[in-house]
Amino acid sequence: MAKKKKKDPIAASINKAMKKAISSITKPIMQIIKYFKCGINKIINLPKCIIFYIFDIIIGTFFLFWSLIASLIPGLKDLGKIIWKSLKMLDKYIYKFTGIHILRYSRSILKRCYLC
């Protein structure tokens, strides 16, 4: 019968430390590569997505001014909530009958223009 080899605890801890060191170096490099590829992809898709980005800027600017005015005039805040609830309900009905949301982008647009 062959003798079992005893594991060297020092070698095992060195091996573990090396794996951890290599992992701590490669993970950030892989993240950088991932974000670089994502950035290139966003640049390539820019002509297809620019209209959505412009639309977001316009809507964001509108809501910024609305929030500023609503903070100065308390009644407008409640009116804004009522309008938003109505729009969400309208979105549900439109989606139910057409399959299209009016308050958010489709999954394909989100994937192509906003997500990595």
PDB file of N, CA and C in Angstrom:
ATOM      1  N   MET A   1       0.829  -1.171   0.000  1.00  0.00           N
ATOM      2  CA  MET A   1       0.000   0.000   0.000  1.00  0.00           C
ATOM      3  C   MET A   1       0.882   1.246   0.000  1.00  0.00           C
ATOM      4  N   ALA A   2       0.483   2.220  -0.830  1.00  0.00           N
ATOM      5  CA  ALA A   2       1.272   3.446  -0.947  1.00  0.00           C
ATOM      6  C   ALA A   2       0.939   4.386   0.203  1.00  0.00           C
ATOM      7  N   LYS A   3       1.955   5.080   0.626  1.00  0.00           N
ATOM      8  CA  LYS A   3       1.768   6.057   1.696  1.00  0.00           C
ATOM      9  C   LYS A   3       1.106   7.306   1.141  1.00  0.00           C
ATOM     10  N   LYS A   4       0.201   7.856   1.925  1.00  0.00           N
ATOM     11  CA  LYS A   4      -0.423   9.128   1.536  1.00  0.00           C
ATOM     12  C   LYS A   4       0.565  10.246   1.766  1.00  0.00           C
ATOM     13  N   LYS A   5       0.602  11.155   0.793  1.00  0.00           N
ATOM     14  CA  LYS A   5       1.472  12.322   0.936  1.00  0.00           C
ATOM     15  C   LYS A   5       0.826  13.312   1.884  1.00  0.00           C
ATOM     16  N   LYS A   6       1.603  13.807   2.790  1.00  0.00           N
ATOM     17  CA  LYS A   6       1.111  14.845   3.693  1.00  0.00           C
ATOM     18  C   LYS A   6       1.152  16.181   2.973  1.00  0.00           C
ATOM     19  N   LYS A   7       0.085  16.944   3.126  1.00  0.00           N
ATOM     20  CA  LYS A   7       0.065  18.280   2.529  1.00  0.00           C
ATOM     21  C   LYS A   7       0.908  19.212   3.377  1.00  0.00           C
ATOM     22  N   ASP A   8       1.704  19.971   2.689  1.00  0.00           N
ATOM     23  CA  ASP A   8       2.550  20.947   3.365  1.00  0.00           C
ATOM     24  C   ASP A   8       1.709  22.192   3.644  1.00  0.00           C
ATOM     25  N   PRO A   9       1.485  22.553   4.907  1.00  0.00           N
ATOM     26  CA  PRO A   9       0.637  23.711   5.215  1.00  0.00           C
ATOM     27  C   PRO A   9       1.226  25.020   4.704  1.00  0.00           C
ATOM     28  N   ILE A  10       2.530  25.110   4.655  1.00  0.00           N
ATOM     29  CA  ILE A  10       3.160  26.336   4.153  1.00  0.00           C
ATOM     30  C   ILE A  10       2.916  26.470   2.658  1.00  0.00           C
ATOM     31  N   ALA A  11       3.104  25.362   1.927  1.00  0.00           N
ATOM     32  CA  ALA A  11       2.872  25.384   0.476  1.00  0.00           C
ATOM     33  C   ALA A  11       1.409  25.682   0.171  1.00  0.00           C
ATOM     34  N   ALA A  12       0.501  25.124   0.960  1.00  0.00           N
ATOM     35  CA  ALA A  12      -0.927  25.367   0.753  1.00  0.00           C
ATOM     36  C   ALA A  12      -1.270  26.835   0.979  1.00  0.00           C
ATOM     37  N   SER A  13      -0.700  27.434   2.019  1.00  0.00           N
ATOM     38  CA  SER A  13      -1.003  28.847   2.282  1.00  0.00           C
ATOM     39  C   SER A  13      -0.364  29.754   1.233  1.00  0.00           C
ATOM     40  N   ILE A  14       0.824  29.378   0.739  1.00  0.00           N
ATOM     41  CA  ILE A  14       1.448  30.153  -0.345  1.00  0.00           C
ATOM     42  C   ILE A  14       0.603  30.054  -1.607  1.00  0.00           C
ATOM     43  N   ASN A  15       0.131  28.843  -1.909  1.00  0.00           N
ATOM     44  CA  ASN A  15      -0.716  28.631  -3.081  1.00  0.00           C
ATOM     45  C   ASN A  15      -1.993  29.468  -2.981  1.00  0.00           C
ATOM     46  N   LYS A  16      -2.605  29.471  -1.813  1.00  0.00           N
ATOM     47  CA  LYS A  16      -3.832  30.250  -1.593  1.00  0.00           C
ATOM     48  C   LYS A  16      -3.565  31.746  -1.755  1.00  0.00           C
ATOM     49  N   ALA A  17      -2.445  32.206  -1.203  1.00  0.00           N
ATOM     50  CA  ALA A  17      -2.090  33.623  -1.301  1.00  0.00           C
ATOM     51  C   ALA A  17      -1.813  34.021  -2.747  1.00  0.00           C
ATOM     52  N   MET A  18      -1.163  33.140  -3.503  1.00  0.00           N
ATOM     53  CA  MET A  18      -0.876  33.426  -4.917  1.00  0.00           C
ATOM     54  C   MET A  18      -2.170  33.530  -5.723  1.00  0.00           C
ATOM     55  N   LYS A  19      -3.097  32.592  -5.475  1.00  0.00           N
ATOM     56  CA  LYS A  19      -4.382  32.634  -6.180  1.00  0.00           C
ATOM     57  C   LYS A  19      -5.126  33.929  -5.869  1.00  0.00           C
ATOM     58  N   LYS A  20      -5.094  34.324  -4.609  1.00  0.00           N
ATOM     59  CA  LYS A  20      -5.775  35.556  -4.194  1.00  0.00           C
ATOM     60  C   LYS A  20      -5.120  36.778  -4.835  1.00  0.00           C
ATOM     61  N   ALA A  21      -3.787  36.789  -4.896  1.00  0.00           N
ATOM     62  CA  ALA A  21      -3.062  37.914  -5.495  1.00  0.00           C
ATOM     63  C   ALA A  21      -3.352  38.014  -6.986  1.00  0.00           C
ATOM     64  N   ILE A  22      -3.337  36.876  -7.669  1.00  0.00           N
ATOM     65  CA  ILE A  22      -3.613  36.875  -9.112  1.00  0.00           C
ATOM     66  C   ILE A  22      -5.044  37.319  -9.364  1.00  0.00           C
ATOM     67  N   SER A  23      -5.972  36.833  -8.547  1.00  0.00           N
ATOM     68  CA  SER A  23      -7.375  37.219  -8.695  1.00  0.00           C
ATOM     69  C   SER A  23      -7.568  38.714  -8.449  1.00  0.00           C
ATOM     70  N   SER A  24      -6.863  39.248  -7.454  1.00  0.00           N
ATOM     71  CA  SER A  24      -7.017  40.673  -7.150  1.00  0.00           C
ATOM     72  C   SER A  24      -6.423  41.551  -8.246  1.00  0.00           C
ATOM     73  N   ILE A  25      -5.537  40.996  -9.056  1.00  0.00           N
ATOM     74  CA  ILE A  25      -4.979  41.744 -10.187  1.00  0.00           C
ATOM     75  C   ILE A  25      -5.853  41.585 -11.427  1.00  0.00           C
ATOM     76  N   THR A  26      -6.313  40.356 -11.692  1.00  0.00           N
ATOM     77  CA  THR A  26      -7.055  40.105 -12.932  1.00  0.00           C
ATOM     78  C   THR A  26      -8.478  40.648 -12.897  1.00  0.00           C
ATOM     79  N   LYS A  27      -9.134  40.632 -11.741  1.00  0.00           N
ATOM     80  CA  LYS A  27     -10.521  41.124 -11.685  1.00  0.00           C
ATOM     81  C   LYS A  27     -10.638  42.590 -12.102  1.00  0.00           C
ATOM     82  N   PRO A  28      -9.825  43.498 -11.558  1.00  0.00           N
ATOM     83  CA  PRO A  28      -9.928  44.894 -12.011  1.00  0.00           C
ATOM     84  C   PRO A  28      -9.585  45.067 -13.495  1.00  0.00           C
ATOM     85  N   ILE A  29      -8.616  44.302 -13.976  1.00  0.00           N
ATOM     86  CA  ILE A  29      -8.258  44.392 -15.397  1.00  0.00           C
ATOM     87  C   ILE A  29      -9.430  43.940 -16.258  1.00  0.00           C
ATOM     88  N   MET A  30     -10.094  42.865 -15.863  1.00  0.00           N
ATOM     89  CA  MET A  30     -11.255  42.381 -16.615  1.00  0.00           C
ATOM     90  C   MET A  30     -12.392  43.404 -16.575  1.00  0.00           C
ATOM     91  N   GLN A  31     -12.581  44.074 -15.447  1.00  0.00           N
ATOM     92  CA  GLN A  31     -13.603  45.119 -15.352  1.00  0.00           C
ATOM     93  C   GLN A  31     -13.278  46.286 -16.279  1.00  0.00           C
ATOM     94  N   ILE A  32     -12.016  46.682 -16.314  1.00  0.00           N
ATOM     95  CA  ILE A  32     -11.603  47.773 -17.204  1.00  0.00           C
ATOM     96  C   ILE A  32     -11.867  47.393 -18.652  1.00  0.00           C
ATOM     97  N   ILE A  33     -11.528  46.171 -19.028  1.00  0.00           N
ATOM     98  CA  ILE A  33     -11.771  45.703 -20.399  1.00  0.00           C
ATOM     99  C   ILE A  33     -13.267  45.697 -20.694  1.00  0.00           C
ATOM    100  N   LYS A  34     -14.063  45.235 -19.729  1.00  0.00           N
ATOM    101  CA  LYS A  34     -15.521  45.201 -19.903  1.00  0.00           C
ATOM    102  C   LYS A  34     -16.081  46.606 -20.134  1.00  0.00           C
ATOM    103  N   TYR A  35     -15.654  47.580 -19.322  1.00  0.00           N
ATOM    104  CA  TYR A  35     -16.148  48.949 -19.472  1.00  0.00           C
ATOM    105  C   TYR A  35     -15.633  49.593 -20.760  1.00  0.00           C
ATOM    106  N   PHE A  36     -14.432  49.256 -21.161  1.00  0.00           N
ATOM    107  CA  PHE A  36     -13.893  49.772 -22.416  1.00  0.00           C
ATOM    108  C   PHE A  36     -14.722  49.261 -23.593  1.00  0.00           C
ATOM    109  N   LYS A  37     -15.026  47.960 -23.590  1.00  0.00           N
ATOM    110  CA  LYS A  37     -15.861  47.384 -24.653  1.00  0.00           C
ATOM    111  C   LYS A  37     -17.251  48.014 -24.646  1.00  0.00           C
ATOM    112  N   CYS A  38     -17.784  48.261 -23.460  1.00  0.00           N
ATOM    113  CA  CYS A  38     -19.093  48.900 -23.335  1.00  0.00           C
ATOM    114  C   CYS A  38     -19.054  50.307 -23.919  1.00  0.00           C
ATOM    115  N   GLY A  39     -18.002  51.059 -23.602  1.00  0.00           N
ATOM    116  CA  GLY A  39     -17.865  52.416 -24.132  1.00  0.00           C
ATOM    117  C   GLY A  39     -17.773  52.433 -25.646  1.00  0.00           C
ATOM    118  N   ILE A  40     -17.002  51.502 -26.211  1.00  0.00           N
ATOM    119  CA  ILE A  40     -16.897  51.394 -27.671  1.00  0.00           C
ATOM    120  C   ILE A  40     -18.262  51.073 -28.264  1.00  0.00           C
ATOM    121  N   ASN A  41     -18.987  50.161 -27.619  1.00  0.00           N
ATOM    122  CA  ASN A  41     -20.320  49.788 -28.088  1.00  0.00           C
ATOM    123  C   ASN A  41     -21.268  50.986 -28.055  1.00  0.00           C
ATOM    124  N   LYS A  42     -21.185  51.802 -26.999  1.00  0.00           N
ATOM    125  CA  LYS A  42     -22.044  52.992 -26.910  1.00  0.00           C
ATOM    126  C   LYS A  42     -21.693  54.008 -28.001  1.00  0.00           C
ATOM    127  N   ILE A  43     -20.410  54.142 -28.311  1.00  0.00           N
ATOM    128  CA  ILE A  43     -19.998  55.056 -29.382  1.00  0.00           C
ATOM    129  C   ILE A  43     -20.519  54.559 -30.724  1.00  0.00           C
ATOM    130  N   ILE A  44     -20.437  53.256 -30.961  1.00  0.00           N
ATOM    131  CA  ILE A  44     -20.932  52.679 -32.219  1.00  0.00           C
ATOM    132  C   ILE A  44     -22.439  52.876 -32.342  1.00  0.00           C
ATOM    133  N   ASN A  45     -23.170  52.722 -31.230  1.00  0.00           N
ATOM    134  CA  ASN A  45     -24.632  52.846 -31.250  1.00  0.00           C
ATOM    135  C   ASN A  45     -25.125  54.281 -31.109  1.00  0.00           C
ATOM    136  N   LEU A  46     -24.225  55.241 -30.985  1.00  0.00           N
ATOM    137  CA  LEU A  46     -24.624  56.632 -30.778  1.00  0.00           C
ATOM    138  C   LEU A  46     -25.591  57.151 -31.847  1.00  0.00           C
ATOM    139  N   PRO A  47     -25.352  56.902 -33.135  1.00  0.00           N
ATOM    140  CA  PRO A  47     -26.319  57.405 -34.126  1.00  0.00           C
ATOM    141  C   PRO A  47     -27.727  56.835 -33.939  1.00  0.00           C
ATOM    142  N   LYS A  48     -27.826  55.586 -33.490  1.00  0.00           N
ATOM    143  CA  LYS A  48     -29.139  54.968 -33.280  1.00  0.00           C
ATOM    144  C   LYS A  48     -29.794  55.449 -31.982  1.00  0.00           C
ATOM    145  N   CYS A  49     -28.975  55.896 -31.023  1.00  0.00           N
ATOM    146  CA  CYS A  49     -29.480  56.207 -29.684  1.00  0.00           C
ATOM    147  C   CYS A  49     -29.592  57.700 -29.395  1.00  0.00           C
ATOM    148  N   ILE A  50     -29.038  58.537 -30.240  1.00  0.00           N
ATOM    149  CA  ILE A  50     -28.971  59.975 -29.946  1.00  0.00           C
ATOM    150  C   ILE A  50     -30.359  60.573 -29.715  1.00  0.00           C
ATOM    151  N   ILE A  51     -31.355  60.095 -30.439  1.00  0.00           N
ATOM    152  CA  ILE A  51     -32.708  60.636 -30.282  1.00  0.00           C
ATOM    153  C   ILE A  51     -33.249  60.348 -28.875  1.00  0.00           C
ATOM    154  N   PHE A  52     -32.917  59.175 -28.337  1.00  0.00           N
ATOM    155  CA  PHE A  52     -33.369  58.831 -26.985  1.00  0.00           C
ATOM    156  C   PHE A  52     -32.641  59.670 -25.941  1.00  0.00           C
ATOM    157  N   TYR A  53     -31.356  59.922 -26.168  1.00  0.00           N
ATOM    158  CA  TYR A  53     -30.582  60.755 -25.239  1.00  0.00           C
ATOM    159  C   TYR A  53     -31.108  62.195 -25.245  1.00  0.00           C
ATOM    160  N   ILE A  54     -31.407  62.718 -26.422  1.00  0.00           N
ATOM    161  CA  ILE A  54     -31.954  64.079 -26.523  1.00  0.00           C
ATOM    162  C   ILE A  54     -33.316  64.147 -25.834  1.00  0.00           C
ATOM    163  N   PHE A  55     -34.143  63.137 -26.077  1.00  0.00           N
ATOM    164  CA  PHE A  55     -35.457  63.075 -25.437  1.00  0.00           C
ATOM    165  C   PHE A  55     -35.310  63.057 -23.913  1.00  0.00           C
ATOM    166  N   ASP A  56     -34.357  62.271 -23.397  1.00  0.00           N
ATOM    167  CA  ASP A  56     -34.116  62.220 -21.948  1.00  0.00           C
ATOM    168  C   ASP A  56     -33.680  63.574 -21.401  1.00  0.00           C
ATOM    169  N   ILE A  57     -32.856  64.284 -22.147  1.00  0.00           N
ATOM    170  CA  ILE A  57     -32.403  65.609 -21.708  1.00  0.00           C
ATOM    171  C   ILE A  57     -33.576  66.581 -21.649  1.00  0.00           C
ATOM    172  N   ILE A  58     -34.428  66.543 -22.665  1.00  0.00           N
ATOM    173  CA  ILE A  58     -35.598  67.435 -22.701  1.00  0.00           C
ATOM    174  C   ILE A  58     -36.541  67.126 -21.540  1.00  0.00           C
ATOM    175  N   ILE A  59     -36.863  65.851 -21.356  1.00  0.00           N
ATOM    176  CA  ILE A  59     -37.770  65.458 -20.271  1.00  0.00           C
ATOM    177  C   ILE A  59     -37.146  65.777 -18.908  1.00  0.00           C
ATOM    178  N   GLY A  60     -35.856  65.496 -18.755  1.00  0.00           N
ATOM    179  CA  GLY A  60     -35.168  65.790 -17.494  1.00  0.00           C
ATOM    180  C   GLY A  60     -35.171  67.270 -17.175  1.00  0.00           C
ATOM    181  N   THR A  61     -34.949  68.099 -18.200  1.00  0.00           N
ATOM    182  CA  THR A  61     -34.968  69.548 -18.005  1.00  0.00           C
ATOM    183  C   THR A  61     -36.365  70.019 -17.609  1.00  0.00           C
ATOM    184  N   PHE A  62     -37.387  69.467 -18.272  1.00  0.00           N
ATOM    185  CA  PHE A  62     -38.766  69.809 -17.931  1.00  0.00           C
ATOM    186  C   PHE A  62     -39.061  69.459 -16.471  1.00  0.00           C
ATOM    187  N   PHE A  63     -38.688  68.245 -16.057  1.00  0.00           N
ATOM    188  CA  PHE A  63     -38.958  67.827 -14.681  1.00  0.00           C
ATOM    189  C   PHE A  63     -38.143  68.618 -13.672  1.00  0.00           C
ATOM    190  N   LEU A  64     -36.962  69.056 -14.054  1.00  0.00           N
ATOM    191  CA  LEU A  64     -36.160  69.895 -13.166  1.00  0.00           C
ATOM    192  C   LEU A  64     -36.891  71.210 -12.890  1.00  0.00           C
ATOM    193  N   PHE A  65     -37.380  71.853 -13.956  1.00  0.00           N
ATOM    194  CA  PHE A  65     -38.111  73.105 -13.774  1.00  0.00           C
ATOM    195  C   PHE A  65     -39.436  72.871 -13.052  1.00  0.00           C
ATOM    196  N   TRP A  66     -40.120  71.772 -13.386  1.00  0.00           N
ATOM    197  CA  TRP A  66     -41.379  71.455 -12.714  1.00  0.00           C
ATOM    198  C   TRP A  66     -41.145  71.282 -11.212  1.00  0.00           C
ATOM    199  N   SER A  67     -40.079  70.561 -10.853  1.00  0.00           N
ATOM    200  CA  SER A  67     -39.766  70.343  -9.434  1.00  0.00           C
ATOM    201  C   SER A  67     -39.448  71.656  -8.732  1.00  0.00           C
ATOM    202  N   LEU A  68     -38.718  72.516  -9.415  1.00  0.00           N
ATOM    203  CA  LEU A  68     -38.375  73.814  -8.832  1.00  0.00           C
ATOM    204  C   LEU A  68     -39.631  74.648  -8.598  1.00  0.00           C
ATOM    205  N   ILE A  69     -40.489  74.717  -9.589  1.00  0.00           N
ATOM    206  CA  ILE A  69     -41.727  75.490  -9.457  1.00  0.00           C
ATOM    207  C   ILE A  69     -42.651  74.848  -8.424  1.00  0.00           C
ATOM    208  N   ALA A  70     -42.747  73.501  -8.445  1.00  0.00           N
ATOM    209  CA  ALA A  70     -43.622  72.801  -7.495  1.00  0.00           C
ATOM    210  C   ALA A  70     -43.139  72.964  -6.062  1.00  0.00           C
ATOM    211  N   SER A  71     -41.836  73.127  -5.868  1.00  0.00           N
ATOM    212  CA  SER A  71     -41.346  73.331  -4.502  1.00  0.00           C
ATOM    213  C   SER A  71     -41.698  74.727  -3.993  1.00  0.00           C
ATOM    214  N   LEU A  72     -41.898  75.661  -4.904  1.00  0.00           N
ATOM    215  CA  LEU A  72     -42.273  77.018  -4.513  1.00  0.00           C
ATOM    216  C   LEU A  72     -43.782  77.172  -4.345  1.00  0.00           C
ATOM    217  N   ILE A  73     -44.545  76.394  -5.108  1.00  0.00           N
ATOM    218  CA  ILE A  73     -46.009  76.453  -5.047  1.00  0.00           C
ATOM    219  C   ILE A  73     -46.508  75.078  -4.595  1.00  0.00           C
ATOM    220  N   PRO A  74     -46.871  74.926  -3.324  1.00  0.00           N
ATOM    221  CA  PRO A  74     -47.196  73.604  -2.763  1.00  0.00           C
ATOM    222  C   PRO A  74     -48.295  72.838  -3.498  1.00  0.00           C
ATOM    223  N   GLY A  75     -49.282  73.505  -4.026  1.00  0.00           N
ATOM    224  CA  GLY A  75     -50.379  72.820  -4.704  1.00  0.00           C
ATOM    225  C   GLY A  75     -49.940  72.084  -5.963  1.00  0.00           C
ATOM    226  N   LEU A  76     -48.893  72.569  -6.590  1.00  0.00           N
ATOM    227  CA  LEU A  76     -48.422  71.930  -7.821  1.00  0.00           C
ATOM    228  C   LEU A  76     -47.807  70.558  -7.567  1.00  0.00           C
ATOM    229  N   LYS A  77     -47.261  70.364  -6.375  1.00  0.00           N
ATOM    230  CA  LYS A  77     -46.669  69.063  -6.055  1.00  0.00           C
ATOM    231  C   LYS A  77     -47.748  67.982  -6.072  1.00  0.00           C
ATOM    232  N   ASP A  78     -48.901  68.293  -5.466  1.00  0.00           N
ATOM    233  CA  ASP A  78     -50.012  67.338  -5.459  1.00  0.00           C
ATOM    234  C   ASP A  78     -50.555  67.130  -6.865  1.00  0.00           C
ATOM    235  N   LEU A  79     -50.642  68.199  -7.636  1.00  0.00           N
ATOM    236  CA  LEU A  79     -51.102  68.094  -9.017  1.00  0.00           C
ATOM    237  C   LEU A  79     -50.157  67.201  -9.824  1.00  0.00           C
ATOM    238  N   GLY A  80     -48.874  67.352  -9.598  1.00  0.00           N
ATOM    239  CA  GLY A  80     -47.890  66.519 -10.286  1.00  0.00           C
ATOM    240  C   GLY A  80     -48.057  65.051  -9.955  1.00  0.00           C
ATOM    241  N   LYS A  81     -48.339  64.742  -8.683  1.00  0.00           N
ATOM    242  CA  LYS A  81     -48.558  63.354  -8.276  1.00  0.00           C
ATOM    243  C   LYS A  81     -49.802  62.781  -8.945  1.00  0.00           C
ATOM    244  N   ILE A  82     -50.859  63.584  -9.028  1.00  0.00           N
ATOM    245  CA  ILE A  82     -52.099  63.134  -9.669  1.00  0.00           C
ATOM    246  C   ILE A  82     -51.855  62.867 -11.153  1.00  0.00           C
ATOM    247  N   ILE A  83     -51.156  63.775 -11.808  1.00  0.00           N
ATOM    248  CA  ILE A  83     -50.857  63.602 -13.235  1.00  0.00           C
ATOM    249  C   ILE A  83     -50.005  62.356 -13.443  1.00  0.00           C
ATOM    250  N   TRP A  84     -48.995  62.154 -12.592  1.00  0.00           N
ATOM    251  CA  TRP A  84     -48.112  60.992 -12.741  1.00  0.00           C
ATOM    252  C   TRP A  84     -48.883  59.681 -12.555  1.00  0.00           C
ATOM    253  N   LYS A  85     -49.778  59.625 -11.544  1.00  0.00           N
ATOM    254  CA  LYS A  85     -50.591  58.421 -11.339  1.00  0.00           C
ATOM    255  C   LYS A  85     -51.482  58.162 -12.550  1.00  0.00           C
ATOM    256  N   SER A  86     -52.047  59.220 -13.111  1.00  0.00           N
ATOM    257  CA  SER A  86     -52.903  59.075 -14.289  1.00  0.00           C
ATOM    258  C   SER A  86     -52.102  58.566 -15.481  1.00  0.00           C
ATOM    259  N   LEU A  87     -50.900  59.096 -15.657  1.00  0.00           N
ATOM    260  CA  LEU A  87     -50.051  58.636 -16.760  1.00  0.00           C
ATOM    261  C   LEU A  87     -49.653  57.175 -16.588  1.00  0.00           C
ATOM    262  N   LYS A  88     -49.379  56.759 -15.354  1.00  0.00           N
ATOM    263  CA  LYS A  88     -49.026  55.356 -15.109  1.00  0.00           C
ATOM    264  C   LYS A  88     -50.203  54.438 -15.420  1.00  0.00           C
ATOM    265  N   MET A  89     -51.415  54.878 -15.056  1.00  0.00           N
ATOM    266  CA  MET A  89     -52.598  54.083 -15.348  1.00  0.00           C
ATOM    267  C   MET A  89     -52.833  54.018 -16.860  1.00  0.00           C
ATOM    268  N   LEU A  90     -52.657  55.140 -17.543  1.00  0.00           N
ATOM    269  CA  LEU A  90     -52.791  55.174 -18.997  1.00  0.00           C
ATOM    270  C   LEU A  90     -51.754  54.260 -19.648  1.00  0.00           C
ATOM    271  N   ASP A  91     -50.535  54.270 -19.123  1.00  0.00           N
ATOM    272  CA  ASP A  91     -49.471  53.410 -19.640  1.00  0.00           C
ATOM    273  C   ASP A  91     -49.853  51.938 -19.517  1.00  0.00           C
ATOM    274  N   LYS A  92     -50.447  51.562 -18.381  1.00  0.00           N
ATOM    275  CA  LYS A  92     -50.873  50.169 -18.185  1.00  0.00           C
ATOM    276  C   LYS A  92     -51.900  49.758 -19.236  1.00  0.00           C
ATOM    277  N   TYR A  93     -52.888  50.630 -19.482  1.00  0.00           N
ATOM    278  CA  TYR A  93     -53.930  50.299 -20.457  1.00  0.00           C
ATOM    279  C   TYR A  93     -53.374  50.234 -21.877  1.00  0.00           C
ATOM    280  N   ILE A  94     -52.539  51.176 -22.222  1.00  0.00           N
ATOM    281  CA  ILE A  94     -51.948  51.164 -23.564  1.00  0.00           C
ATOM    282  C   ILE A  94     -51.091  49.920 -23.746  1.00  0.00           C
ATOM    283  N   TYR A  95     -50.321  49.557 -22.721  1.00  0.00           N
ATOM    284  CA  TYR A  95     -49.482  48.361 -22.818  1.00  0.00           C
ATOM    285  C   TYR A  95     -50.338  47.101 -22.932  1.00  0.00           C
ATOM    286  N   LYS A  96     -51.442  47.082 -22.203  1.00  0.00           N
ATOM    287  CA  LYS A  96     -52.333  45.918 -22.222  1.00  0.00           C
ATOM    288  C   LYS A  96     -52.872  45.657 -23.629  1.00  0.00           C
ATOM    289  N   PHE A  97     -53.187  46.723 -24.359  1.00  0.00           N
ATOM    290  CA  PHE A  97     -53.792  46.558 -25.678  1.00  0.00           C
ATOM    291  C   PHE A  97     -52.791  46.584 -26.829  1.00  0.00           C
ATOM    292  N   THR A  98     -51.652  47.261 -26.656  1.00  0.00           N
ATOM    293  CA  THR A  98     -50.707  47.388 -27.776  1.00  0.00           C
ATOM    294  C   THR A  98     -49.366  46.715 -27.528  1.00  0.00           C
ATOM    295  N   GLY A  99     -49.032  46.469 -26.258  1.00  0.00           N
ATOM    296  CA  GLY A  99     -47.727  45.900 -25.937  1.00  0.00           C
ATOM    297  C   GLY A  99     -46.617  46.935 -25.922  1.00  0.00           C
ATOM    298  N   ILE A 100     -46.981  48.215 -25.938  1.00  0.00           N
ATOM    299  CA  ILE A 100     -45.998  49.303 -25.958  1.00  0.00           C
ATOM    300  C   ILE A 100     -46.189  50.169 -24.715  1.00  0.00           C
ATOM    301  N   HIS A 101     -45.080  50.458 -24.038  1.00  0.00           N
ATOM    302  CA  HIS A 101     -45.122  51.374 -22.891  1.00  0.00           C
ATOM    303  C   HIS A 101     -44.896  52.798 -23.393  1.00  0.00           C
ATOM    304  N   ILE A 102     -45.593  53.758 -22.784  1.00  0.00           N
ATOM    305  CA  ILE A 102     -45.362  55.158 -23.141  1.00  0.00           C
ATOM    306  C   ILE A 102     -44.468  55.859 -22.124  1.00  0.00           C
ATOM    307  N   LEU A 103     -44.253  55.239 -20.963  1.00  0.00           N
ATOM    308  CA  LEU A 103     -43.459  55.880 -19.914  1.00  0.00           C
ATOM    309  C   LEU A 103     -42.063  55.302 -19.765  1.00  0.00           C
ATOM    310  N   ARG A 104     -41.738  54.293 -20.537  1.00  0.00           N
ATOM    311  CA  ARG A 104     -40.383  53.729 -20.468  1.00  0.00           C
ATOM    312  C   ARG A 104     -40.007  53.139 -21.813  1.00  0.00           C
ATOM    313  N   TYR A 105     -38.720  52.941 -21.971  1.00  0.00           N
ATOM    314  CA  TYR A 105     -38.215  52.397 -23.221  1.00  0.00           C
ATOM    315  C   TYR A 105     -38.351  50.880 -23.234  1.00  0.00           C
ATOM    316  N   SER A 106     -38.387  50.332 -24.438  1.00  0.00           N
ATOM    317  CA  SER A 106     -38.452  48.881 -24.572  1.00  0.00           C
ATOM    318  C   SER A 106     -37.137  48.260 -24.121  1.00  0.00           C
ATOM    319  N   ARG A 107     -37.170  46.972 -23.894  1.00  0.00           N
ATOM    320  CA  ARG A 107     -35.981  46.250 -23.441  1.00  0.00           C
ATOM    321  C   ARG A 107     -34.853  46.349 -24.461  1.00  0.00           C
ATOM    322  N   SER A 108     -35.191  46.302 -25.747  1.00  0.00           N
ATOM    323  CA  SER A 108     -34.153  46.364 -26.783  1.00  0.00           C
ATOM    324  C   SER A 108     -33.463  47.730 -26.795  1.00  0.00           C
ATOM    325  N   ILE A 109     -34.219  48.797 -26.603  1.00  0.00           N
ATOM    326  CA  ILE A 109     -33.626  50.141 -26.552  1.00  0.00           C
ATOM    327  C   ILE A 109     -32.760  50.282 -25.306  1.00  0.00           C
ATOM    328  N   LEU A 110     -33.253  49.798 -24.176  1.00  0.00           N
ATOM    329  CA  LEU A 110     -32.455  49.860 -22.945  1.00  0.00           C
ATOM    330  C   LEU A 110     -31.144  49.111 -23.112  1.00  0.00           C
ATOM    331  N   LYS A 111     -31.204  47.929 -23.702  1.00  0.00           N
ATOM    332  CA  LYS A 111     -29.992  47.119 -23.877  1.00  0.00           C
ATOM    333  C   LYS A 111     -29.012  47.788 -24.833  1.00  0.00           C
ATOM    334  N   ARG A 112     -29.530  48.327 -25.939  1.00  0.00           N
ATOM    335  CA  ARG A 112     -28.658  48.922 -26.951  1.00  0.00           C
ATOM    336  C   ARG A 112     -28.085  50.263 -26.498  1.00  0.00           C
ATOM    337  N   CYS A 113     -28.874  51.080 -25.816  1.00  0.00           N
ATOM    338  CA  CYS A 113     -28.466  52.462 -25.559  1.00  0.00           C
ATOM    339  C   CYS A 113     -28.065  52.766 -24.112  1.00  0.00           C
ATOM    340  N   TYR A 114     -28.528  51.990 -23.150  1.00  0.00           N
ATOM    341  CA  TYR A 114     -28.321  52.376 -21.754  1.00  0.00           C
ATOM    342  C   TYR A 114     -27.574  51.346 -20.908  1.00  0.00           C
ATOM    343  N   LEU A 115     -27.695  50.078 -21.223  1.00  0.00           N
ATOM    344  CA  LEU A 115     -27.085  49.040 -20.391  1.00  0.00           C
ATOM    345  C   LEU A 115     -25.836  48.468 -21.044  1.00  0.00           C
ATOM    346  N   CYS A 116     -24.960  47.943 -20.228  1.00  0.00           N
ATOM    347  CA  CYS A 116     -23.767  47.261 -20.747  1.00  0.00           C
ATOM    348  C   CYS A 116     -23.934  45.767 -20.645  1.00  0.00           C
TER     349      CYS A 116
END
